[in-house]
Amino acid sequence: MYPPELVQPMKEDLTSVGFNQLTSSSDVDEIVENSGESLLLVVNSVCGCAAGNMRPGVKASLSNDKKPSTLATVFAGVDGEATNQARKYFLPYPPSSPSIGLFKDGKLVHFLERHHIEGATAAMIAENLSEAYNEYF
């Protein structure tokens, strides 16, 4: 578990652009089941690839004409219950932090694991997500 004062700025990096911070398993269930047509669910983390690549890439992807109607995030290593529940919706993919799941009508349709995020630039992540938005919405 990380100290709240350490992770708060990292959480705000996404919540400040409209992401709902989920902290319990019921929060995750509710948003997946009631998100409507589309949901982007991000597993945030303290690692360098989340700060340098993932969060900036996710935020940049939201400038695409088509984008998810619902945005949500859990924080690995802090919101354990919510993170574990989110990972159930990501199956068959193994646990990965950071990671990004795109849902359409409550079903996972696109997923970026840590190994897709590490070594990728923010622009590459934004492009990957934008292409998925264009394909599914």
Protein backbone atom coordinates (compact mmCIF):
# COMPACT_ATOMS: atom_id res chain seq x y z
CA MET A 1 0.00 0.00 0.00
CA TYR A 2 1.31 3.40 -0.97
CA PRO A 3 0.78 6.52 1.17
CA PRO A 4 -2.26 8.53 0.03
CA GLU A 5 -0.23 11.74 -0.31
CA LEU A 6 2.10 9.98 -2.75
CA VAL A 7 -0.61 8.68 -5.09
CA GLN A 8 -3.11 11.55 -4.92
CA PRO A 9 -1.42 13.57 -7.71
CA MET A 10 -1.28 10.41 -9.85
CA LYS A 11 -4.99 9.78 -9.27
CA GLU A 12 -5.79 13.42 -10.05
CA ASP A 13 -3.91 13.14 -13.33
CA LEU A 14 -6.89 11.09 -14.58
CA THR A 15 -9.76 12.30 -12.39
CA SER A 16 -9.06 15.89 -13.43
CA VAL A 17 -10.02 14.95 -17.01
CA GLY A 18 -13.23 13.15 -16.10
CA PHE A 19 -12.26 9.70 -14.86
CA ASN A 20 -14.30 8.27 -11.99
CA GLN A 21 -12.03 6.94 -9.22
CA LEU A 22 -13.31 3.52 -8.15
CA THR A 23 -12.34 2.26 -4.70
CA SER A 24 -14.52 -0.80 -4.07
CA SER A 25 -15.58 -3.93 -5.91
CA SER A 26 -19.19 -2.71 -5.96
CA ASP A 27 -18.01 0.55 -7.61
CA VAL A 28 -16.39 -1.50 -10.37
CA ASP A 29 -19.40 -3.80 -10.84
CA GLU A 30 -21.76 -0.85 -11.02
CA ILE A 31 -19.76 1.07 -13.62
CA VAL A 32 -19.11 -1.97 -15.84
CA GLU A 33 -22.73 -3.07 -15.69
CA ASN A 34 -24.24 0.42 -16.06
CA SER A 35 -21.74 2.26 -18.25
CA GLY A 36 -23.97 2.23 -21.27
CA GLU A 37 -22.42 1.81 -24.67
CA SER A 38 -18.76 2.34 -23.81
CA LEU A 39 -16.30 2.36 -20.92
CA LEU A 40 -12.58 2.96 -20.65
CA LEU A 41 -11.27 1.39 -17.43
CA VAL A 42 -7.67 2.19 -16.52
CA VAL A 43 -5.53 0.44 -13.92
CA ASN A 44 -3.33 3.29 -12.76
CA SER A 45 -0.03 2.76 -10.92
CA VAL A 46 3.02 4.50 -9.51
CA CYS A 47 5.44 3.07 -12.07
CA GLY A 48 7.34 5.25 -14.48
CA CYS A 49 5.59 3.85 -17.55
CA ALA A 50 2.23 4.95 -16.10
CA ALA A 51 3.50 8.48 -15.53
CA GLY A 52 5.50 8.90 -18.73
CA ASN A 53 3.46 6.91 -21.21
CA MET A 54 0.14 5.54 -20.04
CA ARG A 55 -1.59 8.50 -18.38
CA PRO A 56 -0.49 11.02 -21.04
CA GLY A 57 -1.47 8.58 -23.80
CA VAL A 58 -4.88 7.91 -22.30
CA LYS A 59 -5.56 11.63 -21.90
CA ALA A 60 -4.43 12.37 -25.47
CA SER A 61 -6.71 9.63 -26.81
CA LEU A 62 -9.71 11.53 -25.47
CA SER A 63 -9.24 14.21 -28.15
CA ASN A 64 -10.37 11.66 -30.75
CA ASP A 65 -13.76 12.36 -32.37
CA LYS A 66 -15.06 9.00 -31.13
CA LYS A 67 -14.33 8.16 -27.51
CA PRO A 68 -15.82 6.21 -24.60
CA SER A 69 -18.86 7.69 -22.90
CA THR A 70 -17.73 6.54 -19.45
CA LEU A 71 -14.23 6.86 -17.96
CA ALA A 72 -13.10 5.06 -14.81
CA THR A 73 -9.90 4.16 -13.02
CA VAL A 74 -8.63 2.02 -10.17
CA PHE A 75 -5.25 2.40 -8.53
CA ALA A 76 -3.10 -0.72 -8.14
CA GLY A 77 -1.39 -1.02 -4.77
CA VAL A 78 -3.89 1.37 -3.15
CA ASP A 79 -7.44 0.43 -4.04
CA GLY A 80 -6.87 -3.32 -3.85
CA GLU A 81 -10.50 -4.40 -3.73
CA ALA A 82 -11.43 -2.33 -6.76
CA THR A 83 -8.33 -3.34 -8.69
CA ASN A 84 -8.93 -7.04 -8.06
CA GLN A 85 -12.53 -6.71 -9.21
CA ALA A 86 -11.52 -4.81 -12.34
CA ARG A 87 -9.05 -7.56 -13.18
CA LYS A 88 -11.90 -10.10 -13.13
CA TYR A 89 -13.50 -8.18 -15.99
CA PHE A 90 -10.18 -8.24 -17.85
CA LEU A 91 -9.97 -12.04 -17.93
CA PRO A 92 -8.47 -13.97 -19.68
CA TYR A 93 -5.68 -11.41 -19.46
CA PRO A 94 -3.40 -11.81 -16.44
CA PRO A 95 -3.10 -9.05 -13.81
CA SER A 96 -1.14 -6.13 -15.19
CA SER A 97 -0.31 -2.69 -13.83
CA PRO A 98 -0.73 -0.37 -15.53
CA SER A 99 -3.31 -1.61 -18.01
CA ILE A 100 -6.24 -0.27 -20.02
CA GLY A 101 -9.50 -2.02 -20.83
CA LEU A 102 -12.06 -0.83 -23.35
CA PHE A 103 -15.61 -2.12 -22.98
CA LYS A 104 -18.55 -1.98 -25.36
CA ASP A 105 -21.96 -2.84 -23.96
CA GLY A 106 -20.29 -4.32 -20.85
CA LYS A 107 -17.94 -6.61 -22.81
CA LEU A 108 -14.17 -6.22 -22.99
CA VAL A 109 -13.25 -5.48 -26.63
CA HIS A 110 -9.71 -4.08 -26.40
CA PHE A 111 -6.96 -4.41 -23.80
CA LEU A 112 -3.48 -2.99 -23.33
CA GLU A 113 -1.24 -4.85 -20.91
CA ARG A 114 1.85 -3.46 -19.23
CA HIS A 115 4.08 -4.97 -21.93
CA HIS A 116 2.13 -2.94 -24.52
CA ILE A 117 2.65 0.22 -22.47
CA GLU A 118 6.31 -0.15 -21.48
CA GLY A 119 8.51 1.15 -24.24
CA ALA A 120 5.61 2.74 -26.08
CA THR A 121 5.36 6.49 -26.31
CA ALA A 122 2.31 8.39 -25.12
CA ALA A 123 1.54 9.13 -28.77
CA MET A 124 1.64 5.42 -29.64
CA ILE A 125 -0.76 4.59 -26.79
CA ALA A 126 -3.08 7.42 -27.81
CA GLU A 127 -3.06 6.20 -31.41
CA ASN A 128 -3.74 2.60 -30.34
CA LEU A 129 -6.70 3.66 -28.21
CA SER A 130 -8.03 6.08 -30.83
CA GLU A 131 -8.00 3.31 -33.44
CA ALA A 132 -9.93 1.07 -31.02
CA TYR A 133 -12.48 3.83 -30.39
CA ASN A 134 -12.93 4.27 -34.14
CA GLU A 135 -13.39 0.53 -34.60
CA TYR A 136 -15.89 -0.04 -31.81
CA PHE A 137 -17.89 3.21 -31.56
